[in-house]
């Protein structure tokens, strides 16, 4: 993959730019415990990257129709607020340097997340990087969430580049599938265990955003 062929970058948020997934899992597990249920680490990992609608479906399937998703949302929201209020949200390694480089090089980029806008902005504020994103596409901006193509296609439109010239950066299987459905090339920087399904969808697998930064800086080889 020649990274310099792309004209714009589209980033996922949770688990890729921000280390939010761990805080979500803590809040979810504490909330379900209060409600009398046990949510395992393994099951939490399977929920990575899913929208709230699909999250509700998965939890009801797991715990039965007696499970109150509204109660879960309120409890987990309160517990999450308490956790991040005390601990903040960490920006992933290399994220700020990479975003600064894209700005310096006038390379357009966007945030494209399954989170509703109010939640996405809250996370970015806790991490201290909200000002770095002028273009955002969130779950409530489109008809269908990832793994549908809508979020990435809207991001490409806002960036004024065809999706084929946009490089999608993701950390989850759901996001990679959305990139494929949109017709975009993707880079995987996994936040959880790397699976064969994820490898089969990703154009390139990197360890972190610093590696991506370095790859973007490499000049295109000139013919002799």
C-alpha atoms as a PDB file:
ATOM      1  CA  UNK A   1       0.000   0.000   0.000  1.00  0.00           C
ATOM      2  CA  UNK A   2       1.362   3.398  -1.033  1.00  0.00           C
ATOM      3  CA  UNK A   3       0.106   5.729   1.682  1.00  0.00           C
ATOM      4  CA  UNK A   4       0.948   8.842  -0.329  1.00  0.00           C
ATOM      5  CA  UNK A   5      -1.689   7.888  -2.938  1.00  0.00           C
ATOM      6  CA  UNK A   6      -4.497   8.901  -0.577  1.00  0.00           C
ATOM      7  CA  UNK A   7      -5.814  12.438  -0.330  1.00  0.00           C
ATOM      8  CA  UNK A   8      -7.674  12.286   3.002  1.00  0.00           C
ATOM      9  CA  UNK A   9      -7.725  10.270   6.203  1.00  0.00           C
ATOM     10  CA  UNK A  10     -10.796   9.049   8.096  1.00  0.00           C
ATOM     11  CA  UNK A  11     -10.307   8.027  11.729  1.00  0.00           C
ATOM     12  CA  UNK A  12     -12.423   5.962  14.054  1.00  0.00           C
ATOM     13  CA  UNK A  13     -12.414   7.259  17.639  1.00  0.00           C
ATOM     14  CA  UNK A  14     -12.948   4.668  20.381  1.00  0.00           C
ATOM     15  CA  UNK A  15      -9.945   2.411  20.806  1.00  0.00           C
ATOM     16  CA  UNK A  16      -8.052   4.062  17.966  1.00  0.00           C
ATOM     17  CA  UNK A  17      -7.501   7.719  18.880  1.00  0.00           C
ATOM     18  CA  UNK A  18      -8.764   7.483  22.438  1.00  0.00           C
ATOM     19  CA  UNK A  19      -8.322   4.760  25.026  1.00  0.00           C
ATOM     20  CA  UNK A  20     -12.039   4.774  25.822  1.00  0.00           C
ATOM     21  CA  UNK A  21     -13.001   1.144  25.472  1.00  0.00           C
ATOM     22  CA  UNK A  22     -11.476   0.132  28.790  1.00  0.00           C
ATOM     23  CA  UNK A  23     -13.489   2.830  30.587  1.00  0.00           C
ATOM     24  CA  UNK A  24     -16.677   1.721  28.799  1.00  0.00           C
ATOM     25  CA  UNK A  25     -16.099  -1.886  29.804  1.00  0.00           C
ATOM     26  CA  UNK A  26     -15.515  -0.942  33.450  1.00  0.00           C
ATOM     27  CA  UNK A  27     -18.752   1.056  33.537  1.00  0.00           C
ATOM     28  CA  UNK A  28     -20.733  -1.656  31.731  1.00  0.00           C
ATOM     29  CA  UNK A  29     -19.533  -4.368  34.077  1.00  0.00           C
ATOM     30  CA  UNK A  30     -20.239  -2.292  37.168  1.00  0.00           C
ATOM     31  CA  UNK A  31     -23.717  -1.410  35.886  1.00  0.00           C
ATOM     32  CA  UNK A  32     -24.677  -4.994  35.084  1.00  0.00           C
ATOM     33  CA  UNK A  33     -23.371  -6.114  38.473  1.00  0.00           C
ATOM     34  CA  UNK A  34     -25.660  -3.614  40.197  1.00  0.00           C
ATOM     35  CA  UNK A  35     -28.516  -5.015  38.089  1.00  0.00           C
ATOM     36  CA  UNK A  36     -27.683  -8.573  39.143  1.00  0.00           C
ATOM     37  CA  UNK A  37     -25.938  -9.749  35.973  1.00  0.00           C
ATOM     38  CA  UNK A  38     -22.366 -10.738  35.152  1.00  0.00           C
ATOM     39  CA  UNK A  39     -20.768  -9.255  32.040  1.00  0.00           C
ATOM     40  CA  UNK A  40     -17.505 -11.018  31.204  1.00  0.00           C
ATOM     41  CA  UNK A  41     -14.388  -9.468  29.711  1.00  0.00           C
ATOM     42  CA  UNK A  42     -14.760 -11.737  26.700  1.00  0.00           C
ATOM     43  CA  UNK A  43     -18.319 -10.583  26.031  1.00  0.00           C
ATOM     44  CA  UNK A  44     -17.284  -6.927  26.413  1.00  0.00           C
ATOM     45  CA  UNK A  45     -14.613  -7.434  23.764  1.00  0.00           C
ATOM     46  CA  UNK A  46     -17.257  -8.740  21.353  1.00  0.00           C
ATOM     47  CA  UNK A  47     -19.191  -5.487  21.768  1.00  0.00           C
ATOM     48  CA  UNK A  48     -16.278  -3.365  20.579  1.00  0.00           C
ATOM     49  CA  UNK A  49     -17.214  -0.863  17.872  1.00  0.00           C
ATOM     50  CA  UNK A  50     -20.950  -1.608  17.898  1.00  0.00           C
ATOM     51  CA  UNK A  51     -23.648   1.072  17.894  1.00  0.00           C
ATOM     52  CA  UNK A  52     -25.975   1.555  20.873  1.00  0.00           C
ATOM     53  CA  UNK A  53     -28.849  -0.122  18.997  1.00  0.00           C
ATOM     54  CA  UNK A  54     -26.848  -3.286  18.340  1.00  0.00           C
ATOM     55  CA  UNK A  55     -25.415  -3.103  21.869  1.00  0.00           C
ATOM     56  CA  UNK A  56     -28.967  -3.242  23.210  1.00  0.00           C
ATOM     57  CA  UNK A  57     -29.771  -6.236  21.019  1.00  0.00           C
ATOM     58  CA  UNK A  58     -26.668  -8.114  22.174  1.00  0.00           C
ATOM     59  CA  UNK A  59     -27.298  -7.440  25.863  1.00  0.00           C
ATOM     60  CA  UNK A  60     -30.951  -8.472  25.676  1.00  0.00           C
ATOM     61  CA  UNK A  61     -29.940 -11.637  23.819  1.00  0.00           C
ATOM     62  CA  UNK A  62     -27.380 -12.358  26.532  1.00  0.00           C
ATOM     63  CA  UNK A  63     -29.507 -11.614  29.608  1.00  0.00           C
ATOM     64  CA  UNK A  64     -33.087 -12.081  28.384  1.00  0.00           C
ATOM     65  CA  UNK A  65     -36.088  -9.815  27.861  1.00  0.00           C
ATOM     66  CA  UNK A  66     -36.118  -8.911  31.554  1.00  0.00           C
ATOM     67  CA  UNK A  67     -32.932  -6.927  31.061  1.00  0.00           C
ATOM     68  CA  UNK A  68     -33.674  -3.167  31.200  1.00  0.00           C
ATOM     69  CA  UNK A  69     -31.452  -1.431  28.688  1.00  0.00           C
ATOM     70  CA  UNK A  70     -32.660   1.997  29.812  1.00  0.00           C
ATOM     71  CA  UNK A  71     -31.601   1.239  33.389  1.00  0.00           C
ATOM     72  CA  UNK A  72     -28.286  -0.097  32.106  1.00  0.00           C
ATOM     73  CA  UNK A  73     -27.660   3.085  30.089  1.00  0.00           C
ATOM     74  CA  UNK A  74     -28.363   5.365  33.037  1.00  0.00           C
ATOM     75  CA  UNK A  75     -26.228   3.349  35.457  1.00  0.00           C
ATOM     76  CA  UNK A  76     -23.324   2.872  33.054  1.00  0.00           C
ATOM     77  CA  UNK A  77     -23.412   6.559  32.067  1.00  0.00           C
ATOM     78  CA  UNK A  78     -23.214   7.669  35.697  1.00  0.00           C
ATOM     79  CA  UNK A  79     -20.440   5.186  36.460  1.00  0.00           C
ATOM     80  CA  UNK A  80     -18.516   6.147  33.324  1.00  0.00           C
ATOM     81  CA  UNK A  81     -18.767   9.839  34.179  1.00  0.00           C
ATOM     82  CA  UNK A  82     -17.396   9.093  37.629  1.00  0.00           C
ATOM     83  CA  UNK A  83     -14.541   7.027  36.228  1.00  0.00           C
ATOM     84  CA  UNK A  84     -13.377   9.476  33.540  1.00  0.00           C
ATOM     85  CA  UNK A  85     -13.949  12.415  35.864  1.00  0.00           C
ATOM     86  CA  UNK A  86     -11.397  10.889  38.209  1.00  0.00           C
ATOM     87  CA  UNK A  87      -9.052   9.400  35.609  1.00  0.00           C
ATOM     88  CA  UNK A  88      -9.630  11.299  32.367  1.00  0.00           C
ATOM     89  CA  UNK A  89      -9.319   9.688  28.938  1.00  0.00           C
ATOM     90  CA  UNK A  90      -5.912   8.899  27.536  1.00  0.00           C
ATOM     91  CA  UNK A  91      -5.007   9.784  23.956  1.00  0.00           C
ATOM     92  CA  UNK A  92      -3.485   6.822  22.146  1.00  0.00           C
ATOM     93  CA  UNK A  93       0.242   6.756  21.424  1.00  0.00           C
ATOM     94  CA  UNK A  94       1.169   8.895  18.425  1.00  0.00           C
ATOM     95  CA  UNK A  95      -2.282  10.417  17.893  1.00  0.00           C
ATOM     96  CA  UNK A  96      -1.479  14.048  18.596  1.00  0.00           C
ATOM     97  CA  UNK A  97       1.773  14.019  16.604  1.00  0.00           C
ATOM     98  CA  UNK A  98      -0.025  12.442  13.658  1.00  0.00           C
ATOM     99  CA  UNK A  99      -2.881  14.955  13.720  1.00  0.00           C
ATOM    100  CA  UNK A 100      -0.408  17.829  13.951  1.00  0.00           C
ATOM    101  CA  UNK A 101       1.466  16.458  10.934  1.00  0.00           C
ATOM    102  CA  UNK A 102      -1.738  16.208   8.890  1.00  0.00           C
ATOM    103  CA  UNK A 103      -2.569  19.806   9.733  1.00  0.00           C
ATOM    104  CA  UNK A 104       0.925  20.983   8.820  1.00  0.00           C
ATOM    105  CA  UNK A 105       0.753  19.173   5.481  1.00  0.00           C
ATOM    106  CA  UNK A 106      -2.813  20.383   4.808  1.00  0.00           C
ATOM    107  CA  UNK A 107      -4.006  16.786   4.510  1.00  0.00           C
ATOM    108  CA  UNK A 108      -7.750  16.749   5.268  1.00  0.00           C
ATOM    109  CA  UNK A 109      -9.012  14.316   7.880  1.00  0.00           C
ATOM    110  CA  UNK A 110     -12.228  13.477   9.670  1.00  0.00           C
ATOM    111  CA  UNK A 111     -13.510  11.634  12.713  1.00  0.00           C
ATOM    112  CA  UNK A 112     -16.073   8.922  11.899  1.00  0.00           C
ATOM    113  CA  UNK A 113     -17.582   7.162  14.894  1.00  0.00           C
ATOM    114  CA  UNK A 114     -20.540   4.998  15.880  1.00  0.00           C
ATOM    115  CA  UNK A 115     -20.978   7.165  18.979  1.00  0.00           C
ATOM    116  CA  UNK A 116     -23.676   9.875  18.997  1.00  0.00           C
ATOM    117  CA  UNK A 117     -22.232  13.375  18.610  1.00  0.00           C
ATOM    118  CA  UNK A 118     -22.879  14.398  22.215  1.00  0.00           C
ATOM    119  CA  UNK A 119     -20.918  11.374  23.469  1.00  0.00           C
ATOM    120  CA  UNK A 120     -18.121  11.779  20.945  1.00  0.00           C
ATOM    121  CA  UNK A 121     -17.594  15.429  21.849  1.00  0.00           C
ATOM    122  CA  UNK A 122     -17.655  14.572  25.543  1.00  0.00           C
ATOM    123  CA  UNK A 123     -14.910  11.979  25.062  1.00  0.00           C
ATOM    124  CA  UNK A 124     -12.795  14.369  23.001  1.00  0.00           C
ATOM    125  CA  UNK A 125     -13.221  17.046  25.664  1.00  0.00           C
ATOM    126  CA  UNK A 126     -12.131  14.694  28.454  1.00  0.00           C
ATOM    127  CA  UNK A 127      -9.091  13.824  26.323  1.00  0.00           C
ATOM    128  CA  UNK A 128      -8.374  17.485  25.570  1.00  0.00           C
ATOM    129  CA  UNK A 129      -8.359  17.170  21.762  1.00  0.00           C
ATOM    130  CA  UNK A 130     -11.832  18.297  20.644  1.00  0.00           C
ATOM    131  CA  UNK A 131     -10.354  21.380  18.933  1.00  0.00           C
ATOM    132  CA  UNK A 132      -8.349  19.151  16.575  1.00  0.00           C
ATOM    133  CA  UNK A 133     -11.464  17.965  14.710  1.00  0.00           C
ATOM    134  CA  UNK A 134     -13.307  20.260  12.334  1.00  0.00           C
ATOM    135  CA  UNK A 135     -14.995  17.395  10.460  1.00  0.00           C
ATOM    136  CA  UNK A 136     -16.956  14.812  12.433  1.00  0.00           C
ATOM    137  CA  UNK A 137     -19.504  12.212  11.378  1.00  0.00           C
ATOM    138  CA  UNK A 138     -21.340  10.481  14.205  1.00  0.00           C
ATOM    139  CA  UNK A 139     -24.050   7.855  14.546  1.00  0.00           C
ATOM    140  CA  UNK A 140     -26.847  10.433  14.688  1.00  0.00           C
ATOM    141  CA  UNK A 141     -25.704  12.096  11.444  1.00  0.00           C
ATOM    142  CA  UNK A 142     -26.560   9.128   9.204  1.00  0.00           C
ATOM    143  CA  UNK A 143     -29.292   6.568   8.651  1.00  0.00           C
ATOM    144  CA  UNK A 144     -27.274   3.443   9.487  1.00  0.00           C
ATOM    145  CA  UNK A 145     -24.289   2.877  11.776  1.00  0.00           C
ATOM    146  CA  UNK A 146     -21.200   0.788  11.098  1.00  0.00           C
ATOM    147  CA  UNK A 147     -20.874  -1.853   9.675  1.00  0.00           C
ATOM    148  CA  UNK A 148     -23.027  -0.034   7.107  1.00  0.00           C
ATOM    149  CA  UNK A 149     -21.102   2.285   4.791  1.00  0.00           C
ATOM    150  CA  UNK A 150     -23.029   5.484   5.643  1.00  0.00           C
ATOM    151  CA  UNK A 151     -20.651   7.063   8.159  1.00  0.00           C
ATOM    152  CA  UNK A 152     -17.572   6.692   5.967  1.00  0.00           C
ATOM    153  CA  UNK A 153     -19.351   7.800   2.797  1.00  0.00           C
ATOM    154  CA  UNK A 154     -20.605  10.965   4.512  1.00  0.00           C
ATOM    155  CA  UNK A 155     -17.119  11.663   5.860  1.00  0.00           C
ATOM    156  CA  UNK A 156     -15.660  11.385   2.360  1.00  0.00           C
ATOM    157  CA  UNK A 157     -18.292  13.796   1.040  1.00  0.00           C
ATOM    158  CA  UNK A 158     -17.478  16.341   3.747  1.00  0.00           C
ATOM    159  CA  UNK A 159     -13.765  15.979   2.972  1.00  0.00           C
ATOM    160  CA  UNK A 160     -14.475  16.640  -0.734  1.00  0.00           C
ATOM    161  CA  UNK A 161     -12.706  13.495  -1.892  1.00  0.00           C
ATOM    162  CA  UNK A 162     -14.067  10.254  -3.350  1.00  0.00           C
ATOM    163  CA  UNK A 163     -14.077   7.431  -0.840  1.00  0.00           C
ATOM    164  CA  UNK A 164     -11.532   5.558  -2.975  1.00  0.00           C
ATOM    165  CA  UNK A 165      -8.995   8.315  -2.253  1.00  0.00           C
ATOM    166  CA  UNK A 166      -9.703   8.277   1.480  1.00  0.00           C
ATOM    167  CA  UNK A 167      -7.781   5.980   3.811  1.00  0.00           C
ATOM    168  CA  UNK A 168      -9.825   4.617   6.726  1.00  0.00           C
ATOM    169  CA  UNK A 169      -8.032   3.930  10.011  1.00  0.00           C
ATOM    170  CA  UNK A 170      -9.818   1.462  12.276  1.00  0.00           C
ATOM    171  CA  UNK A 171      -9.279  -0.756  15.289  1.00  0.00           C
ATOM    172  CA  UNK A 172     -12.273  -3.113  15.181  1.00  0.00           C
ATOM    173  CA  UNK A 173     -13.849  -5.729  12.929  1.00  0.00           C
ATOM    174  CA  UNK A 174     -17.069  -3.692  12.747  1.00  0.00           C
ATOM    175  CA  UNK A 175     -15.171  -0.659  11.476  1.00  0.00           C
ATOM    176  CA  UNK A 176     -13.180  -2.638   8.937  1.00  0.00           C
ATOM    177  CA  UNK A 177     -16.377  -4.173   7.572  1.00  0.00           C
ATOM    178  CA  UNK A 178     -17.882  -0.698   7.248  1.00  0.00           C
ATOM    179  CA  UNK A 179     -14.805   0.446   5.315  1.00  0.00           C
ATOM    180  CA  UNK A 180     -15.144  -2.498   2.951  1.00  0.00           C
ATOM    181  CA  UNK A 181     -18.848  -1.799   2.466  1.00  0.00           C
ATOM    182  CA  UNK A 182     -17.979   1.818   1.634  1.00  0.00           C
ATOM    183  CA  UNK A 183     -15.340   0.793  -0.915  1.00  0.00           C
ATOM    184  CA  UNK A 184     -12.490   2.306   1.107  1.00  0.00           C
ATOM    185  CA  UNK A 185      -9.019   0.963   1.758  1.00  0.00           C
ATOM    186  CA  UNK A 186      -8.263   0.499   5.433  1.00  0.00           C
ATOM    187  CA  UNK A 187      -5.461   0.319   7.957  1.00  0.00           C
ATOM    188  CA  UNK A 188      -5.995  -1.734  11.095  1.00  0.00           C
ATOM    189  CA  UNK A 189      -4.437  -0.727  14.409  1.00  0.00           C
ATOM    190  CA  UNK A 190      -6.084  -3.273  16.711  1.00  0.00           C
ATOM    191  CA  UNK A 191      -7.087  -2.251  20.213  1.00  0.00           C
ATOM    192  CA  UNK A 192      -8.107  -5.802  21.138  1.00  0.00           C
ATOM    193  CA  UNK A 193      -6.988  -9.269  20.074  1.00  0.00           C
ATOM    194  CA  UNK A 194      -6.191  -9.474  16.375  1.00  0.00           C
ATOM    195  CA  UNK A 195      -8.348 -12.093  14.634  1.00  0.00           C
ATOM    196  CA  UNK A 196      -8.098 -13.763  11.232  1.00  0.00           C
ATOM    197  CA  UNK A 197     -11.363 -12.071  10.218  1.00  0.00           C
ATOM    198  CA  UNK A 198      -9.858  -8.670  10.963  1.00  0.00           C
ATOM    199  CA  UNK A 199      -6.655  -9.482   9.078  1.00  0.00           C
ATOM    200  CA  UNK A 200      -8.642 -10.584   6.039  1.00  0.00           C
ATOM    201  CA  UNK A 201     -10.434  -7.210   5.854  1.00  0.00           C
ATOM    202  CA  UNK A 202      -7.527  -4.876   6.591  1.00  0.00           C
ATOM    203  CA  UNK A 203      -5.316  -3.575   3.826  1.00  0.00           C
ATOM    204  CA  UNK A 204      -2.439  -3.117   6.289  1.00  0.00           C
ATOM    205  CA  UNK A 205      -2.006  -3.964   9.972  1.00  0.00           C
ATOM    206  CA  UNK A 206       0.131  -1.589  12.069  1.00  0.00           C
ATOM    207  CA  UNK A 207       1.055  -1.544  15.746  1.00  0.00           C
ATOM    208  CA  UNK A 208       0.153   2.055  16.554  1.00  0.00           C
ATOM    209  CA  UNK A 209      -0.451   5.534  15.162  1.00  0.00           C
ATOM    210  CA  UNK A 210       3.261   6.343  15.283  1.00  0.00           C
ATOM    211  CA  UNK A 211       3.859   3.680  12.639  1.00  0.00           C
ATOM    212  CA  UNK A 212       1.135   5.241  10.511  1.00  0.00           C
ATOM    213  CA  UNK A 213       2.697   8.679  10.988  1.00  0.00           C
ATOM    214  CA  UNK A 214       6.052   7.366   9.808  1.00  0.00           C
ATOM    215  CA  UNK A 215       4.475   5.630   6.815  1.00  0.00           C
ATOM    216  CA  UNK A 216       2.696   8.795   5.728  1.00  0.00           C
ATOM    217  CA  UNK A 217       5.937  10.767   5.915  1.00  0.00           C
ATOM    218  CA  UNK A 218       7.856   8.416   3.646  1.00  0.00           C
ATOM    219  CA  UNK A 219       8.338  10.031   0.211  1.00  0.00           C
ATOM    220  CA  UNK A 220       7.131   8.275  -2.882  1.00  0.00           C
ATOM    221  CA  UNK A 221       9.989   6.601  -4.739  1.00  0.00           C
ATOM    222  CA  UNK A 222      10.892   8.483  -7.900  1.00  0.00           C
ATOM    223  CA  UNK A 223      11.652   6.560 -11.109  1.00  0.00           C
ATOM    224  CA  UNK A 224      15.203   6.693 -12.393  1.00  0.00           C
END
